[in-house]
PDB file of N, CA and C in Angstrom:
ATOM      1  N   UNK A   1       0.914  -1.215   0.179  1.00  0.00           N
ATOM      2  CA  UNK A   1      -0.011   0.142   0.040  1.00  0.00           C
ATOM      3  C   UNK A   1       0.692   1.332   0.113  1.00  0.00           C
ATOM      4  N   UNK A   2       0.543   2.260  -0.626  1.00  0.00           N
ATOM      5  CA  UNK A   2       1.207   3.508  -0.904  1.00  0.00           C
ATOM      6  C   UNK A   2       0.056   4.750  -0.628  1.00  0.00           C
ATOM      7  N   UNK A   3       0.803   5.703  -0.172  1.00  0.00           N
ATOM      8  CA  UNK A   3      -0.125   6.943   0.057  1.00  0.00           C
ATOM      9  C   UNK A   3       0.927   8.047  -0.694  1.00  0.00           C
ATOM     10  N   UNK A   4      -0.061   9.057  -1.618  1.00  0.00           N
ATOM     11  CA  UNK A   4       0.529  10.108  -2.248  1.00  0.00           C
ATOM     12  C   UNK A   4      -0.375  11.134  -2.041  1.00  0.00           C
ATOM     13  N   UNK A   5      -0.028  12.287  -1.807  1.00  0.00           N
ATOM     14  CA  UNK A   5      -0.435  13.518  -1.518  1.00  0.00           C
ATOM     15  C   UNK A   5      -0.734  14.017  -2.936  1.00  0.00           C
ATOM     16  N   UNK A   6      -2.098  14.145  -3.075  1.00  0.00           N
ATOM     17  CA  UNK A   6      -2.211  14.955  -4.480  1.00  0.00           C
ATOM     18  C   UNK A   6      -2.411  16.479  -4.457  1.00  0.00           C
ATOM     19  N   UNK A   7      -3.029  16.715  -3.437  1.00  0.00           N
ATOM     20  CA  UNK A   7      -3.297  18.188  -3.427  1.00  0.00           C
ATOM     21  C   UNK A   7      -3.559  18.404  -1.895  1.00  0.00           C
ATOM     22  N   UNK A   8      -2.849  19.617  -1.141  1.00  0.00           N
ATOM     23  CA  UNK A   8      -3.417  19.997   0.014  1.00  0.00           C
ATOM     24  C   UNK A   8      -3.361  21.565  -0.076  1.00  0.00           C
ATOM     25  N   UNK A   9      -4.510  22.150   0.583  1.00  0.00           N
ATOM     26  CA  UNK A   9      -4.772  23.511   0.891  1.00  0.00           C
ATOM     27  C   UNK A   9      -5.355  23.788   2.003  1.00  0.00           C
ATOM     28  N   UNK A  10      -5.553  25.187   1.995  1.00  0.00           N
ATOM     29  CA  UNK A  10      -6.416  25.311   3.159  1.00  0.00           C
ATOM     30  C   UNK A  10      -7.806  25.310   3.407  1.00  0.00           C
ATOM     31  N   UNK A  11      -8.404  24.577   2.231  1.00  0.00           N
ATOM     32  CA  UNK A  11      -9.766  23.887   2.321  1.00  0.00           C
ATOM     33  C   UNK A  11      -9.935  22.597   2.298  1.00  0.00           C
ATOM     34  N   UNK A  12      -8.886  21.780   1.780  1.00  0.00           N
ATOM     35  CA  UNK A  12      -9.102  20.270   1.937  1.00  0.00           C
ATOM     36  C   UNK A  12      -7.850  19.413   1.747  1.00  0.00           C
ATOM     37  N   UNK A  13      -7.892  18.246   1.999  1.00  0.00           N
ATOM     38  CA  UNK A  13      -6.720  17.326   1.752  1.00  0.00           C
ATOM     39  C   UNK A  13      -7.185  16.290   0.612  1.00  0.00           C
ATOM     40  N   UNK A  14      -6.426  16.016  -0.204  1.00  0.00           N
ATOM     41  CA  UNK A  14      -6.546  14.988  -1.300  1.00  0.00           C
ATOM     42  C   UNK A  14      -5.669  13.959  -1.355  1.00  0.00           C
ATOM     43  N   UNK A  15      -5.834  12.818  -1.127  1.00  0.00           N
ATOM     44  CA  UNK A  15      -4.539  11.863  -0.795  1.00  0.00           C
ATOM     45  C   UNK A  15      -4.899  10.639  -1.895  1.00  0.00           C
ATOM     46  N   UNK A  16      -4.090   9.961  -2.311  1.00  0.00           N
ATOM     47  CA  UNK A  16      -4.520   8.638  -3.239  1.00  0.00           C
ATOM     48  C   UNK A  16      -3.886   7.704  -2.480  1.00  0.00           C
ATOM     49  N   UNK A  17      -4.483   6.583  -2.628  1.00  0.00           N
ATOM     50  CA  UNK A  17      -3.993   5.419  -1.922  1.00  0.00           C
ATOM     51  C   UNK A  17      -3.875   4.488  -3.192  1.00  0.00           C
ATOM     52  N   UNK A  18      -3.174   3.634  -2.709  1.00  0.00           N
ATOM     53  CA  UNK A  18      -2.498   2.344  -4.027  1.00  0.00           C
ATOM     54  C   UNK A  18      -2.244   1.106  -3.526  1.00  0.00           C
ATOM     55  N   UNK A  19      -2.250   0.089  -4.132  1.00  0.00           N
ATOM     56  CA  UNK A  19      -1.803  -0.871  -3.957  1.00  0.00           C
ATOM     57  C   UNK A  19      -2.775  -1.959  -3.230  1.00  0.00           C
ATOM     58  N   UNK A  20      -2.599  -2.574  -2.061  1.00  0.00           N
ATOM     59  CA  UNK A  20      -3.331  -3.686  -1.595  1.00  0.00           C
ATOM     60  C   UNK A  20      -3.582  -3.121  -0.377  1.00  0.00           C
ATOM     61  N   UNK A  21      -5.078  -2.808   0.111  1.00  0.00           N
ATOM     62  CA  UNK A  21      -5.200  -2.372   1.485  1.00  0.00           C
ATOM     63  C   UNK A  21      -5.440  -3.465   2.457  1.00  0.00           C
ATOM     64  N   UNK A  22      -4.543  -4.300   2.837  1.00  0.00           N
ATOM     65  CA  UNK A  22      -4.534  -5.471   3.880  1.00  0.00           C
ATOM     66  C   UNK A  22      -4.036  -4.979   5.102  1.00  0.00           C
ATOM     67  N   UNK A  23      -4.037  -5.870   5.803  1.00  0.00           N
ATOM     68  CA  UNK A  23      -3.854  -5.505   7.496  1.00  0.00           C
ATOM     69  C   UNK A  23      -2.527  -4.936   7.884  1.00  0.00           C
ATOM     70  N   UNK A  24      -1.459  -5.558   6.901  1.00  0.00           N
ATOM     71  CA  UNK A  24      -0.210  -5.259   6.876  1.00  0.00           C
ATOM     72  C   UNK A  24       0.038  -3.870   6.085  1.00  0.00           C
ATOM     73  N   UNK A  25      -0.532  -3.699   5.150  1.00  0.00           N
ATOM     74  CA  UNK A  25      -0.416  -2.345   4.636  1.00  0.00           C
ATOM     75  C   UNK A  25      -0.934  -1.207   5.391  1.00  0.00           C
ATOM     76  N   UNK A  26      -2.168  -1.486   6.259  1.00  0.00           N
ATOM     77  CA  UNK A  26      -2.817  -0.674   6.661  1.00  0.00           C
ATOM     78  C   UNK A  26      -2.024  -0.188   8.214  1.00  0.00           C
ATOM     79  N   UNK A  27      -1.345  -1.187   9.050  1.00  0.00           N
ATOM     80  CA  UNK A  27      -0.567  -1.083   9.972  1.00  0.00           C
ATOM     81  C   UNK A  27       0.764  -0.319   9.423  1.00  0.00           C
ATOM     82  N   UNK A  28       1.152  -0.363   8.458  1.00  0.00           N
ATOM     83  CA  UNK A  28       2.329   0.136   7.739  1.00  0.00           C
ATOM     84  C   UNK A  28       2.106   1.650   7.434  1.00  0.00           C
ATOM     85  N   UNK A  29       0.914   1.784   7.239  1.00  0.00           N
ATOM     86  CA  UNK A  29       0.621   3.391   6.764  1.00  0.00           C
ATOM     87  C   UNK A  29      -0.296   4.185   7.453  1.00  0.00           C
ATOM     88  N   UNK A  30      -0.761   3.616   8.388  1.00  0.00           N
ATOM     89  CA  UNK A  30      -1.803   4.372   9.132  1.00  0.00           C
ATOM     90  C   UNK A  30      -1.264   5.816   9.744  1.00  0.00           C
ATOM     91  N   UNK A  31      -0.147   5.778  10.123  1.00  0.00           N
ATOM     92  CA  UNK A  31       0.376   7.296  10.645  1.00  0.00           C
ATOM     93  C   UNK A  31       0.603   8.206   9.495  1.00  0.00           C
ATOM     94  N   UNK A  32       0.965   7.704   8.332  1.00  0.00           N
ATOM     95  CA  UNK A  32       1.134   8.626   7.210  1.00  0.00           C
ATOM     96  C   UNK A  32      -0.372   9.125   6.674  1.00  0.00           C
ATOM     97  N   UNK A  33      -1.320   8.101   6.704  1.00  0.00           N
ATOM     98  CA  UNK A  33      -2.579   8.712   6.092  1.00  0.00           C
ATOM     99  C   UNK A  33      -3.129   9.588   7.121  1.00  0.00           C
ATOM    100  N   UNK A  34      -2.923   9.508   8.657  1.00  0.00           N
ATOM    101  CA  UNK A  34      -3.347  10.304   9.476  1.00  0.00           C
ATOM    102  C   UNK A  34      -2.889  11.799   9.487  1.00  0.00           C
ATOM    103  N   UNK A  35      -1.557  11.810   9.184  1.00  0.00           N
ATOM    104  CA  UNK A  35      -0.748  12.925   8.952  1.00  0.00           C
ATOM    105  C   UNK A  35      -1.461  13.655   7.705  1.00  0.00           C
ATOM    106  N   UNK A  36      -1.830  13.069   6.605  1.00  0.00           N
ATOM    107  CA  UNK A  36      -2.232  14.033   5.678  1.00  0.00           C
ATOM    108  C   UNK A  36      -3.655  14.128   5.609  1.00  0.00           C
ATOM    109  N   UNK A  37      -4.611  13.354   6.762  1.00  0.00           N
ATOM    110  CA  UNK A  37      -6.128  13.533   6.614  1.00  0.00           C
ATOM    111  C   UNK A  37      -6.562  14.187   7.769  1.00  0.00           C
ATOM    112  N   UNK A  38      -6.678  13.384   9.023  1.00  0.00           N
ATOM    113  CA  UNK A  38      -7.287  13.770  10.072  1.00  0.00           C
ATOM    114  C   UNK A  38      -6.337  14.976  10.917  1.00  0.00           C
ATOM    115  N   UNK A  39      -5.142  14.835  11.017  1.00  0.00           N
ATOM    116  CA  UNK A  39      -4.310  15.726  11.594  1.00  0.00           C
ATOM    117  C   UNK A  39      -4.315  16.903  11.040  1.00  0.00           C
ATOM    118  N   UNK A  40      -4.905  17.287   9.622  1.00  0.00           N
ATOM    119  CA  UNK A  40      -4.936  18.350   9.068  1.00  0.00           C
ATOM    120  C   UNK A  40      -6.276  19.312   9.419  1.00  0.00           C
ATOM    121  N   UNK A  41      -7.110  18.260   9.950  1.00  0.00           N
ATOM    122  CA  UNK A  41      -8.665  18.750  10.084  1.00  0.00           C
ATOM    123  C   UNK A  41      -9.487  19.708   9.040  1.00  0.00           C
ATOM    124  N   UNK A  42      -9.254  19.078   8.033  1.00  0.00           N
ATOM    125  CA  UNK A  42      -9.961  19.354   6.603  1.00  0.00           C
ATOM    126  C   UNK A  42     -10.579  18.591   5.907  1.00  0.00           C
ATOM    127  N   UNK A  43     -11.714  18.803   5.346  1.00  0.00           N
ATOM    128  CA  UNK A  43     -12.404  17.828   4.348  1.00  0.00           C
ATOM    129  C   UNK A  43     -11.577  16.830   3.521  1.00  0.00           C
ATOM    130  N   UNK A  44     -11.675  15.875   3.327  1.00  0.00           N
ATOM    131  CA  UNK A  44     -10.820  14.687   2.806  1.00  0.00           C
ATOM    132  C   UNK A  44     -11.139  14.066   1.725  1.00  0.00           C
ATOM    133  N   UNK A  45     -10.579  14.063   0.830  1.00  0.00           N
ATOM    134  CA  UNK A  45     -10.716  13.132  -0.650  1.00  0.00           C
ATOM    135  C   UNK A  45      -9.806  12.109  -0.581  1.00  0.00           C
ATOM    136  N   UNK A  46     -10.305  10.685  -0.639  1.00  0.00           N
ATOM    137  CA  UNK A  46      -9.409   9.780  -0.627  1.00  0.00           C
ATOM    138  C   UNK A  46      -9.480   9.148  -2.069  1.00  0.00           C
ATOM    139  N   UNK A  47      -8.929   9.190  -2.746  1.00  0.00           N
ATOM    140  CA  UNK A  47      -8.684   8.665  -4.231  1.00  0.00           C
ATOM    141  C   UNK A  47      -8.347   7.074  -3.943  1.00  0.00           C
ATOM    142  N   UNK A  48      -9.111   6.457  -4.781  1.00  0.00           N
ATOM    143  CA  UNK A  48      -8.837   4.782  -4.743  1.00  0.00           C
ATOM    144  C   UNK A  48      -8.664   4.344  -5.878  1.00  0.00           C
ATOM    145  N   UNK A  49      -8.429   4.903  -7.102  1.00  0.00           N
ATOM    146  CA  UNK A  49      -8.423   4.639  -8.566  1.00  0.00           C
ATOM    147  C   UNK A  49      -7.292   3.103  -8.761  1.00  0.00           C
ATOM    148  N   UNK A  50      -6.167   3.059  -7.966  1.00  0.00           N
ATOM    149  CA  UNK A  50      -5.078   2.626  -7.997  1.00  0.00           C
ATOM    150  C   UNK A  50      -5.093   1.429  -6.737  1.00  0.00           C
ATOM    151  N   UNK A  51      -6.153   1.373  -6.227  1.00  0.00           N
ATOM    152  CA  UNK A  51      -6.276   0.123  -5.016  1.00  0.00           C
ATOM    153  C   UNK A  51      -6.768  -0.940  -5.599  1.00  0.00           C
ATOM    154  N   UNK A  52      -5.800  -1.816  -5.582  1.00  0.00           N
ATOM    155  CA  UNK A  52      -5.967  -3.376  -6.254  1.00  0.00           C
ATOM    156  C   UNK A  52      -6.632  -4.095  -5.460  1.00  0.00           C
ATOM    157  N   UNK A  53      -6.864  -4.119  -4.086  1.00  0.00           N
ATOM    158  CA  UNK A  53      -7.557  -5.155  -3.010  1.00  0.00           C
ATOM    159  C   UNK A  53      -7.756  -4.330  -1.750  1.00  0.00           C
ATOM    160  N   UNK A  54      -9.025  -4.396  -1.441  1.00  0.00           N
ATOM    161  CA  UNK A  54      -9.566  -3.657  -0.326  1.00  0.00           C
ATOM    162  C   UNK A  54      -9.923  -4.715   0.913  1.00  0.00           C
ATOM    163  N   UNK A  55      -9.099  -5.142   1.852  1.00  0.00           N
ATOM    164  CA  UNK A  55      -9.601  -6.024   2.758  1.00  0.00           C
ATOM    165  C   UNK A  55     -10.278  -5.404   3.944  1.00  0.00           C
ATOM    166  N   UNK A  56     -10.472  -6.309   5.015  1.00  0.00           N
ATOM    167  CA  UNK A  56     -11.772  -5.745   5.888  1.00  0.00           C
ATOM    168  C   UNK A  56     -10.627  -4.698   6.784  1.00  0.00           C
ATOM    169  N   UNK A  57      -9.415  -4.752   6.704  1.00  0.00           N
ATOM    170  CA  UNK A  57      -8.774  -3.639   7.685  1.00  0.00           C
ATOM    171  C   UNK A  57      -8.523  -2.427   6.933  1.00  0.00           C
ATOM    172  N   UNK A  58      -8.827  -2.474   5.445  1.00  0.00           N
ATOM    173  CA  UNK A  58      -8.892  -1.403   4.621  1.00  0.00           C
ATOM    174  C   UNK A  58     -10.047  -0.580   5.087  1.00  0.00           C
ATOM    175  N   UNK A  59     -11.251  -1.547   4.928  1.00  0.00           N
ATOM    176  CA  UNK A  59     -12.759  -0.957   5.126  1.00  0.00           C
ATOM    177  C   UNK A  59     -12.439  -0.023   6.710  1.00  0.00           C
ATOM    178  N   UNK A  60     -11.988  -0.912   7.650  1.00  0.00           N
ATOM    179  CA  UNK A  60     -11.775  -0.379   8.928  1.00  0.00           C
ATOM    180  C   UNK A  60     -11.272   0.983   9.061  1.00  0.00           C
ATOM    181  N   UNK A  61     -10.087   0.829   8.288  1.00  0.00           N
ATOM    182  CA  UNK A  61      -9.372   2.362   8.128  1.00  0.00           C
ATOM    183  C   UNK A  61     -10.263   3.540   7.541  1.00  0.00           C
ATOM    184  N   UNK A  62     -10.995   3.194   6.515  1.00  0.00           N
ATOM    185  CA  UNK A  62     -11.679   4.196   5.999  1.00  0.00           C
ATOM    186  C   UNK A  62     -12.863   4.619   6.917  1.00  0.00           C
ATOM    187  N   UNK A  63     -13.458   3.393   7.569  1.00  0.00           N
ATOM    188  CA  UNK A  63     -14.322   3.904   8.693  1.00  0.00           C
ATOM    189  C   UNK A  63     -13.989   4.851   9.785  1.00  0.00           C
ATOM    190  N   UNK A  64     -12.705   4.382  10.304  1.00  0.00           N
ATOM    191  CA  UNK A  64     -12.083   5.025  11.303  1.00  0.00           C
ATOM    192  C   UNK A  64     -11.683   6.639  10.812  1.00  0.00           C
ATOM    193  N   UNK A  65     -11.261   6.979   9.525  1.00  0.00           N
ATOM    194  CA  UNK A  65     -11.162   8.082   9.210  1.00  0.00           C
ATOM    195  C   UNK A  65     -12.214   8.748   9.047  1.00  0.00           C
ATOM    196  N   UNK A  66     -13.463   8.200   8.797  1.00  0.00           N
ATOM    197  CA  UNK A  66     -14.664   9.001   8.584  1.00  0.00           C
ATOM    198  C   UNK A  66     -14.977   9.369   9.819  1.00  0.00           C
ATOM    199  N   UNK A  67     -14.834   8.726  10.731  1.00  0.00           N
ATOM    200  CA  UNK A  67     -15.473   8.726  12.361  1.00  0.00           C
ATOM    201  C   UNK A  67     -14.670  10.092  12.809  1.00  0.00           C
ATOM    202  N   UNK A  68     -13.169  10.077  12.652  1.00  0.00           N
ATOM    203  CA  UNK A  68     -12.258  10.904  13.119  1.00  0.00           C
ATOM    204  C   UNK A  68     -12.384  12.331  12.579  1.00  0.00           C
ATOM    205  N   UNK A  69     -12.872  12.331  11.257  1.00  0.00           N
ATOM    206  CA  UNK A  69     -12.918  13.800  10.678  1.00  0.00           C
ATOM    207  C   UNK A  69     -14.377  14.202  10.864  1.00  0.00           C
ATOM    208  N   UNK A  70     -15.666  13.361  11.062  1.00  0.00           N
ATOM    209  CA  UNK A  70     -16.799  13.851  11.420  1.00  0.00           C
ATOM    210  C   UNK A  70     -16.781  14.556  12.895  1.00  0.00           C
ATOM    211  N   UNK A  71     -15.862  13.909  13.915  1.00  0.00           N
ATOM    212  CA  UNK A  71     -15.670  14.425  15.158  1.00  0.00           C
ATOM    213  C   UNK A  71     -15.154  15.672  15.014  1.00  0.00           C
ATOM    214  N   UNK A  72     -14.429  16.060  13.941  1.00  0.00           N
ATOM    215  CA  UNK A  72     -13.997  17.672  14.022  1.00  0.00           C
ATOM    216  C   UNK A  72     -14.753  18.427  12.812  1.00  0.00           C
ATOM    217  N   UNK A  73     -15.720  17.871  12.516  1.00  0.00           N
ATOM    218  CA  UNK A  73     -16.843  18.745  11.705  1.00  0.00           C
ATOM    219  C   UNK A  73     -16.170  18.774   9.985  1.00  0.00           C
ATOM    220  N   UNK A  74     -15.173  17.775   9.829  1.00  0.00           N
ATOM    221  CA  UNK A  74     -15.019  17.670   8.503  1.00  0.00           C
ATOM    222  C   UNK A  74     -15.622  16.658   7.786  1.00  0.00           C
ATOM    223  N   UNK A  75     -15.683  16.305   6.532  1.00  0.00           N
ATOM    224  CA  UNK A  75     -16.261  15.394   5.705  1.00  0.00           C
ATOM    225  C   UNK A  75     -15.158  14.690   4.942  1.00  0.00           C
ATOM    226  N   UNK A  76     -15.627  13.402   4.339  1.00  0.00           N
ATOM    227  CA  UNK A  76     -14.803  12.674   3.626  1.00  0.00           C
ATOM    228  C   UNK A  76     -15.556  12.192   2.748  1.00  0.00           C
ATOM    229  N   UNK A  77     -15.024  11.775   1.320  1.00  0.00           N
ATOM    230  CA  UNK A  77     -15.514  11.454   0.097  1.00  0.00           C
ATOM    231  C   UNK A  77     -14.499  10.546  -0.480  1.00  0.00           C
ATOM    232  N   UNK A  78     -14.829   9.147  -1.006  1.00  0.00           N
ATOM    233  CA  UNK A  78     -13.904   8.434  -1.819  1.00  0.00           C
ATOM    234  C   UNK A  78     -14.146   8.822  -3.290  1.00  0.00           C
ATOM    235  N   UNK A  79     -12.931   9.088  -3.942  1.00  0.00           N
ATOM    236  CA  UNK A  79     -12.789   9.138  -5.402  1.00  0.00           C
ATOM    237  C   UNK A  79     -12.651   8.144  -5.998  1.00  0.00           C
ATOM    238  N   UNK A  80     -13.325   7.828  -7.083  1.00  0.00           N
ATOM    239  CA  UNK A  80     -13.176   6.815  -8.362  1.00  0.00           C
ATOM    240  C   UNK A  80     -12.349   5.305  -7.492  1.00  0.00           C
ATOM    241  N   UNK A  81     -13.103   4.620  -6.892  1.00  0.00           N
ATOM    242  CA  UNK A  81     -12.932   3.443  -6.291  1.00  0.00           C
ATOM    243  C   UNK A  81     -12.553   2.770  -7.600  1.00  0.00           C
ATOM    244  N   UNK A  82     -11.350   1.813  -7.389  1.00  0.00           N
ATOM    245  CA  UNK A  82     -11.232   0.748  -8.481  1.00  0.00           C
ATOM    246  C   UNK A  82     -12.252  -0.140  -8.426  1.00  0.00           C
ATOM    247  N   UNK A  83     -12.680  -0.991  -9.450  1.00  0.00           N
ATOM    248  CA  UNK A  83     -13.603  -2.094  -9.715  1.00  0.00           C
ATOM    249  C   UNK A  83     -13.842  -2.962  -8.374  1.00  0.00           C
ATOM    250  N   UNK A  84     -12.511  -3.350  -8.295  1.00  0.00           N
ATOM    251  CA  UNK A  84     -12.150  -4.492  -6.894  1.00  0.00           C
ATOM    252  C   UNK A  84     -12.808  -3.595  -5.713  1.00  0.00           C
ATOM    253  N   UNK A  85     -12.298  -2.426  -5.376  1.00  0.00           N
ATOM    254  CA  UNK A  85     -12.497  -1.717  -4.263  1.00  0.00           C
ATOM    255  C   UNK A  85     -13.762  -1.485  -4.100  1.00  0.00           C
ATOM    256  N   UNK A  86     -14.615  -0.902  -5.112  1.00  0.00           N
ATOM    257  CA  UNK A  86     -15.744  -0.516  -5.305  1.00  0.00           C
ATOM    258  C   UNK A  86     -16.594  -1.619  -4.951  1.00  0.00           C
ATOM    259  N   UNK A  87     -16.414  -3.060  -5.383  1.00  0.00           N
ATOM    260  CA  UNK A  87     -17.273  -4.275  -5.041  1.00  0.00           C
ATOM    261  C   UNK A  87     -17.161  -4.170  -3.411  1.00  0.00           C
ATOM    262  N   UNK A  88     -15.933  -4.300  -2.919  1.00  0.00           N
ATOM    263  CA  UNK A  88     -15.592  -4.682  -1.494  1.00  0.00           C
ATOM    264  C   UNK A  88     -16.497  -3.577  -0.649  1.00  0.00           C
ATOM    265  N   UNK A  89     -16.685  -2.071  -1.141  1.00  0.00           N
ATOM    266  CA  UNK A  89     -17.235  -1.157  -0.430  1.00  0.00           C
ATOM    267  C   UNK A  89     -18.512  -1.219  -0.387  1.00  0.00           C
ATOM    268  N   UNK A  90     -19.242  -1.722  -1.556  1.00  0.00           N
ATOM    269  CA  UNK A  90     -20.631  -1.876  -1.993  1.00  0.00           C
ATOM    270  C   UNK A  90     -20.954  -3.250  -1.104  1.00  0.00           C
ATOM    271  N   UNK A  91     -20.058  -4.250  -1.143  1.00  0.00           N
ATOM    272  CA  UNK A  91     -20.518  -5.452  -0.479  1.00  0.00           C
ATOM    273  C   UNK A  91     -20.643  -5.251   1.153  1.00  0.00           C
ATOM    274  N   UNK A  92     -19.833  -4.354   1.685  1.00  0.00           N
ATOM    275  CA  UNK A  92     -19.783  -4.143   3.160  1.00  0.00           C
ATOM    276  C   UNK A  92     -20.695  -2.978   3.378  1.00  0.00           C
ATOM    277  N   UNK A  93     -21.682  -2.722   2.591  1.00  0.00           N
ATOM    278  CA  UNK A  93     -22.492  -1.363   2.729  1.00  0.00           C
ATOM    279  C   UNK A  93     -21.650  -0.132   3.245  1.00  0.00           C
ATOM    280  N   UNK A  94     -20.374  -0.202   2.934  1.00  0.00           N
ATOM    281  CA  UNK A  94     -19.890   1.047   3.234  1.00  0.00           C
ATOM    282  C   UNK A  94     -20.280   2.264   2.696  1.00  0.00           C
ATOM    283  N   UNK A  95     -20.748   2.037   1.316  1.00  0.00           N
ATOM    284  CA  UNK A  95     -21.185   3.047   0.710  1.00  0.00           C
ATOM    285  C   UNK A  95     -22.433   3.746   1.375  1.00  0.00           C
ATOM    286  N   UNK A  96     -22.888   3.217   2.355  1.00  0.00           N
ATOM    287  CA  UNK A  96     -24.138   3.880   2.955  1.00  0.00           C
ATOM    288  C   UNK A  96     -23.371   5.119   3.795  1.00  0.00           C
ATOM    289  N   UNK A  97     -22.275   4.916   4.221  1.00  0.00           N
ATOM    290  CA  UNK A  97     -21.925   5.976   4.990  1.00  0.00           C
ATOM    291  C   UNK A  97     -20.703   6.663   4.691  1.00  0.00           C
ATOM    292  N   UNK A  98     -19.912   6.003   3.370  1.00  0.00           N
ATOM    293  CA  UNK A  98     -18.869   7.075   2.571  1.00  0.00           C
ATOM    294  C   UNK A  98     -19.458   7.519   1.213  1.00  0.00           C
ATOM    295  N   UNK A  99     -19.816   8.754   1.044  1.00  0.00           N
ATOM    296  CA  UNK A  99     -19.816   8.844  -0.317  1.00  0.00           C
ATOM    297  C   UNK A  99     -18.929   8.614  -1.082  1.00  0.00           C
ATOM    298  N   UNK A 100     -19.177   8.295  -2.580  1.00  0.00           N
ATOM    299  CA  UNK A 100     -18.309   7.994  -3.559  1.00  0.00           C
ATOM    300  C   UNK A 100     -18.661   8.904  -4.605  1.00  0.00           C
ATOM    301  N   UNK A 101     -17.381   9.469  -5.396  1.00  0.00           N
ATOM    302  CA  UNK A 101     -17.712  10.707  -6.177  1.00  0.00           C
ATOM    303  C   UNK A 101     -17.027   9.847  -7.514  1.00  0.00           C
ATOM    304  N   UNK A 102     -17.318  10.329  -8.726  1.00  0.00           N
ATOM    305  CA  UNK A 102     -16.776   9.850 -10.075  1.00  0.00           C
ATOM    306  C   UNK A 102     -15.809  10.649 -10.476  1.00  0.00           C
ATOM    307  N   UNK A 103     -15.940  11.942  -9.949  1.00  0.00           N
ATOM    308  CA  UNK A 103     -14.681  13.022 -10.483  1.00  0.00           C
ATOM    309  C   UNK A 103     -14.536  13.990  -9.428  1.00  0.00           C
ATOM    310  N   UNK A 104     -13.464  14.727  -9.554  1.00  0.00           N
ATOM    311  CA  UNK A 104     -12.960  15.496  -8.450  1.00  0.00           C
ATOM    312  C   UNK A 104     -14.066  16.881  -8.423  1.00  0.00           C
ATOM    313  N   UNK A 105     -14.572  17.161  -9.471  1.00  0.00           N
ATOM    314  CA  UNK A 105     -15.573  18.512  -9.276  1.00  0.00           C
ATOM    315  C   UNK A 105     -16.589  17.444  -8.517  1.00  0.00           C
ATOM    316  N   UNK A 106     -17.271  16.317  -8.707  1.00  0.00           N
ATOM    317  CA  UNK A 106     -18.360  15.810  -7.687  1.00  0.00           C
ATOM    318  C   UNK A 106     -17.997  15.510  -6.296  1.00  0.00           C
ATOM    319  N   UNK A 107     -16.694  15.420  -6.034  1.00  0.00           N
ATOM    320  CA  UNK A 107     -16.171  15.030  -4.755  1.00  0.00           C
ATOM    321  C   UNK A 107     -15.956  16.245  -3.826  1.00  0.00           C
ATOM    322  N   UNK A 108     -15.437  17.461  -4.805  1.00  0.00           N
ATOM    323  CA  UNK A 108     -15.588  18.721  -4.025  1.00  0.00           C
ATOM    324  C   UNK A 108     -16.915  19.346  -3.773  1.00  0.00           C
ATOM    325  N   UNK A 109     -17.903  18.795  -4.639  1.00  0.00           N
ATOM    326  CA  UNK A 109     -19.328  19.446  -4.431  1.00  0.00           C
ATOM    327  C   UNK A 109     -19.994  18.706  -3.052  1.00  0.00           C
ATOM    328  N   UNK A 110     -19.489  17.275  -3.195  1.00  0.00           N
ATOM    329  CA  UNK A 110     -19.982  16.812  -1.751  1.00  0.00           C
ATOM    330  C   UNK A 110     -19.482  17.076  -0.620  1.00  0.00           C
ATOM    331  N   UNK A 111     -18.303  17.854  -0.788  1.00  0.00           N
ATOM    332  CA  UNK A 111     -17.872  18.327   0.558  1.00  0.00           C
ATOM    333  C   UNK A 111     -18.207  19.794   0.804  1.00  0.00           C
ATOM    334  N   UNK A 112     -19.133  20.175  -0.304  1.00  0.00           N
ATOM    335  CA  UNK A 112     -19.321  21.855  -0.148  1.00  0.00           C
ATOM    336  C   UNK A 112     -18.098  22.599  -0.276  1.00  0.00           C
ATOM    337  N   UNK A 113     -17.193  22.273  -1.417  1.00  0.00           N
ATOM    338  CA  UNK A 113     -16.323  23.093  -1.496  1.00  0.00           C
ATOM    339  C   UNK A 113     -16.456  23.812  -3.132  1.00  0.00           C
ATOM    340  N   UNK A 114     -16.203  25.051  -3.183  1.00  0.00           N
ATOM    341  CA  UNK A 114     -16.120  25.296  -4.531  1.00  0.00           C
ATOM    342  C   UNK A 114     -14.961  25.038  -5.478  1.00  0.00           C
ATOM    343  N   UNK A 115     -15.225  24.743  -6.540  1.00  0.00           N
ATOM    344  CA  UNK A 115     -14.129  24.028  -7.377  1.00  0.00           C
ATOM    345  C   UNK A 115     -12.965  25.271  -7.849  1.00  0.00           C
TER     346      UNK A 115
END
């Protein structure tokens, strides 16, 4: 699993996850993910285009990010999950609590941010 900062400014954070979000990957990268998301205390876009596999640990991480961000009044949206990641998100019903956007403009709109 890898984390790449796509964009950060005073309005939002946008990070891209790639690889396999398994227990090992999540344990190894949680600190970095938190640094670029929750610790910034801003609405967050999690791009998932290059996520090859999304295990229960990855789903747990997303739920934890959502909870932490909502606690501080910031939203979260998932951007263009890969077909395999989207399948896991839908099968787990996480799409009921984590909005999914098909493009950046839609993600910003969901978060209430002007493009």
